[in-house]
């Protein structure tokens, strides 16, 4: 049908016309959504593997650092005397009795003063002295002789995160390479 100015109507419905076609109405109202399930699965798998890799990497780094700190204290430990500055009660499940205590104290090493937490959960009197060990290369690394004797570097501390990280990286590479090879073929 010709319109004014010689422009022909293309058959598109006029906005105030009613349509009896339910598909057409759904599309006009924005309800028609197509989801590529394969793509959603791919994105979810990739994001899940990235999350696993991040967590495993953080745990691996923490395990390596813990082993290093234990070795450093055992090999380069220097005795110091810490003076307890405060102890705070840690509230347990019901709040009726403390679950333990978190104590901090101060000590000096090579003319510098440090404030660190005291390992353990005992309620230490303020002003009391705790025999401690600091690492000569990292004087902020404080522990007690009993804790240093009971700790040891462990391969198990880094083995599980390393295995999980390796498997996650391998799966990630496999999924990404497989997806890309499919898209190249298509």
Protein backbone atom coordinates (compact mmCIF):
# COMPACT_ATOMS: atom_id res chain seq x y z
CA UNK A 1 0.00 0.00 0.00
CA UNK A 2 1.42 3.35 -0.88
CA UNK A 3 1.80 5.88 1.86
CA UNK A 4 2.23 9.60 1.67
CA UNK A 5 5.43 10.58 -0.04
CA UNK A 6 5.52 7.39 -2.14
CA UNK A 7 6.92 5.10 0.64
CA UNK A 8 5.45 1.63 0.62
CA UNK A 9 4.41 -0.23 3.75
CA UNK A 10 6.65 -3.27 4.39
CA UNK A 11 4.11 -5.37 6.23
CA UNK A 12 5.43 -4.63 9.73
CA UNK A 13 2.58 -4.30 12.20
CA UNK A 14 1.62 -0.83 13.25
CA UNK A 15 2.25 -0.37 17.00
CA UNK A 16 -1.40 -0.06 17.90
CA UNK A 17 -2.47 -3.15 15.91
CA UNK A 18 -3.23 -6.33 17.86
CA UNK A 19 -1.49 -9.55 16.76
CA UNK A 20 -3.00 -12.99 17.18
CA UNK A 21 0.35 -14.77 16.73
CA UNK A 22 1.62 -15.73 20.26
CA UNK A 23 5.23 -16.04 19.03
CA UNK A 24 5.14 -12.56 17.65
CA UNK A 25 3.67 -11.08 20.83
CA UNK A 26 6.31 -12.82 22.99
CA UNK A 27 9.08 -11.50 20.80
CA UNK A 28 7.63 -7.99 20.92
CA UNK A 29 7.38 -8.07 24.70
CA UNK A 30 10.94 -9.32 25.08
CA UNK A 31 10.06 -12.72 26.55
CA UNK A 32 11.68 -14.72 23.77
CA UNK A 33 15.18 -15.65 25.01
CA UNK A 34 17.45 -18.25 23.52
CA UNK A 35 20.18 -19.71 25.72
CA UNK A 36 23.18 -21.55 24.32
CA UNK A 37 23.47 -24.29 26.95
CA UNK A 38 26.84 -25.44 25.64
CA UNK A 39 28.29 -21.94 25.97
CA UNK A 40 26.86 -21.51 29.49
CA UNK A 41 28.38 -24.87 30.48
CA UNK A 42 31.72 -23.89 28.98
CA UNK A 43 31.77 -20.54 30.79
CA UNK A 44 30.75 -22.19 34.08
CA UNK A 45 33.47 -24.84 33.71
CA UNK A 46 36.14 -22.27 32.90
CA UNK A 47 35.12 -19.99 35.79
CA UNK A 48 34.96 -22.95 38.18
CA UNK A 49 38.43 -24.11 37.16
CA UNK A 50 39.83 -20.58 37.50
CA UNK A 51 38.40 -20.43 41.05
CA UNK A 52 39.93 -23.82 41.90
CA UNK A 53 43.29 -22.71 40.47
CA UNK A 54 43.25 -19.50 42.52
CA UNK A 55 42.40 -21.30 45.76
CA UNK A 56 44.96 -24.06 45.13
CA UNK A 57 47.60 -21.45 44.25
CA UNK A 58 46.94 -19.51 47.45
CA UNK A 59 47.08 -22.70 49.55
CA UNK A 60 50.28 -23.78 47.80
CA UNK A 61 51.90 -20.40 48.47
CA UNK A 62 50.77 -20.52 52.12
CA UNK A 63 52.18 -24.04 52.54
CA UNK A 64 55.51 -23.04 51.02
CA UNK A 65 55.65 -19.96 53.26
CA UNK A 66 54.82 -22.00 56.39
CA UNK A 67 57.53 -24.56 55.59
CA UNK A 68 60.00 -21.73 55.00
CA UNK A 69 59.10 -20.05 58.31
CA UNK A 70 59.51 -23.30 60.25
CA UNK A 71 62.88 -24.00 58.63
CA UNK A 72 63.98 -20.41 59.20
CA UNK A 73 63.08 -20.48 62.90
CA UNK A 74 64.78 -23.84 63.41
CA UNK A 75 67.96 -22.91 61.54
CA UNK A 76 68.26 -19.20 62.40
CA UNK A 77 66.28 -18.82 65.61
CA UNK A 78 67.44 -16.23 68.11
CA UNK A 79 66.06 -16.20 71.68
CA UNK A 80 64.12 -13.15 72.85
CA UNK A 81 61.99 -12.23 75.85
CA UNK A 82 58.44 -11.08 75.09
CA UNK A 83 56.50 -9.05 77.68
CA UNK A 84 52.75 -9.73 77.58
CA UNK A 85 50.84 -6.51 76.88
CA UNK A 86 47.26 -7.81 76.70
CA UNK A 87 45.13 -10.95 76.56
CA UNK A 88 41.63 -11.05 75.14
CA UNK A 89 39.16 -13.85 75.76
CA UNK A 90 37.87 -15.65 72.68
CA UNK A 91 34.16 -16.37 72.93
CA UNK A 92 33.06 -19.96 72.38
CA UNK A 93 29.84 -21.42 71.02
CA UNK A 94 27.44 -20.50 73.83
CA UNK A 95 29.37 -17.49 75.08
CA UNK A 96 29.31 -18.82 78.65
CA UNK A 97 33.02 -19.56 78.91
CA UNK A 98 36.01 -18.42 76.88
CA UNK A 99 37.21 -20.78 74.16
CA UNK A 100 40.74 -19.54 74.70
CA UNK A 101 42.77 -16.36 74.86
CA UNK A 102 44.58 -14.27 72.31
CA UNK A 103 47.62 -12.64 73.86
CA UNK A 104 50.03 -10.12 72.38
CA UNK A 105 53.28 -8.77 73.68
CA UNK A 106 56.31 -6.70 72.85
CA UNK A 107 59.99 -7.55 72.49
CA UNK A 108 63.14 -5.91 71.20
CA UNK A 109 65.60 -7.27 68.68
CA UNK A 110 68.67 -5.36 67.49
CA UNK A 111 67.32 -2.08 68.87
CA UNK A 112 63.89 -2.32 67.22
CA UNK A 113 60.64 -2.98 69.06
CA UNK A 114 58.07 -5.49 67.81
CA UNK A 115 54.52 -6.32 68.87
CA UNK A 116 53.39 -9.83 68.00
CA UNK A 117 50.87 -12.45 69.01
CA UNK A 118 51.84 -15.21 71.42
CA UNK A 119 51.24 -18.75 70.10
CA UNK A 120 48.82 -20.78 72.19
CA UNK A 121 45.54 -20.01 73.88
CA UNK A 122 46.53 -19.64 77.55
CA UNK A 123 45.53 -16.60 79.61
CA UNK A 124 48.89 -15.02 80.40
CA UNK A 125 49.17 -12.33 83.07
CA UNK A 126 49.87 -8.85 81.72
CA UNK A 127 53.51 -7.96 82.30
CA UNK A 128 54.65 -11.59 82.44
CA UNK A 129 57.58 -12.74 80.32
CA UNK A 130 57.44 -15.40 77.60
CA UNK A 131 60.62 -17.00 76.27
CA UNK A 132 60.48 -16.82 72.50
CA UNK A 133 62.43 -17.32 69.31
CA UNK A 134 62.61 -14.95 66.34
CA UNK A 135 64.12 -15.60 62.96
CA UNK A 136 67.36 -13.64 62.57
CA UNK A 137 66.45 -12.66 58.99
CA UNK A 138 62.81 -11.89 59.88
CA UNK A 139 62.56 -10.62 63.47
CA UNK A 140 58.79 -10.16 63.16
CA UNK A 141 58.48 -13.96 62.94
CA UNK A 142 57.98 -14.88 66.62
CA UNK A 143 57.28 -18.27 68.14
CA UNK A 144 57.89 -20.17 71.34
CA UNK A 145 60.57 -22.86 71.70
CA UNK A 146 57.89 -25.50 72.35
CA UNK A 147 56.06 -24.61 69.12
CA UNK A 148 59.28 -24.60 67.07
CA UNK A 149 60.24 -28.03 68.46
CA UNK A 150 56.82 -29.50 67.67
CA UNK A 151 56.61 -28.13 64.10
CA UNK A 152 58.44 -29.49 61.08
CA UNK A 153 58.55 -28.75 57.36
CA UNK A 154 56.21 -31.06 55.54
CA UNK A 155 55.84 -32.10 51.92
CA UNK A 156 52.20 -32.97 52.71
CA UNK A 157 51.53 -29.27 53.38
CA UNK A 158 52.27 -28.45 49.74
CA UNK A 159 51.54 -31.75 47.98
CA UNK A 160 47.72 -31.63 47.92
CA UNK A 161 47.47 -28.00 46.71
CA UNK A 162 50.14 -28.71 44.08
CA UNK A 163 48.27 -31.77 42.79
CA UNK A 164 44.93 -29.92 42.74
CA UNK A 165 46.54 -26.96 40.94
CA UNK A 166 48.17 -29.25 38.36
CA UNK A 167 44.94 -31.12 37.65
CA UNK A 168 42.94 -27.87 37.42
CA UNK A 169 45.44 -26.32 35.00
CA UNK A 170 45.44 -29.49 32.86
CA UNK A 171 41.63 -29.54 32.75
CA UNK A 172 41.53 -25.83 31.96
CA UNK A 173 43.94 -26.24 29.06
CA UNK A 174 42.07 -29.31 27.81
CA UNK A 175 38.70 -27.52 27.86
CA UNK A 176 39.99 -24.35 26.24
CA UNK A 177 41.99 -26.16 23.53
CA UNK A 178 39.08 -28.50 22.81
CA UNK A 179 36.65 -25.58 22.53
CA UNK A 180 38.98 -23.63 20.24
CA UNK A 181 39.60 -26.63 17.98
CA UNK A 182 35.84 -27.09 17.63
CA UNK A 183 35.33 -23.44 16.75
CA UNK A 184 38.12 -23.59 14.13
CA UNK A 185 36.50 -26.64 12.49
CA UNK A 186 33.11 -24.92 12.36
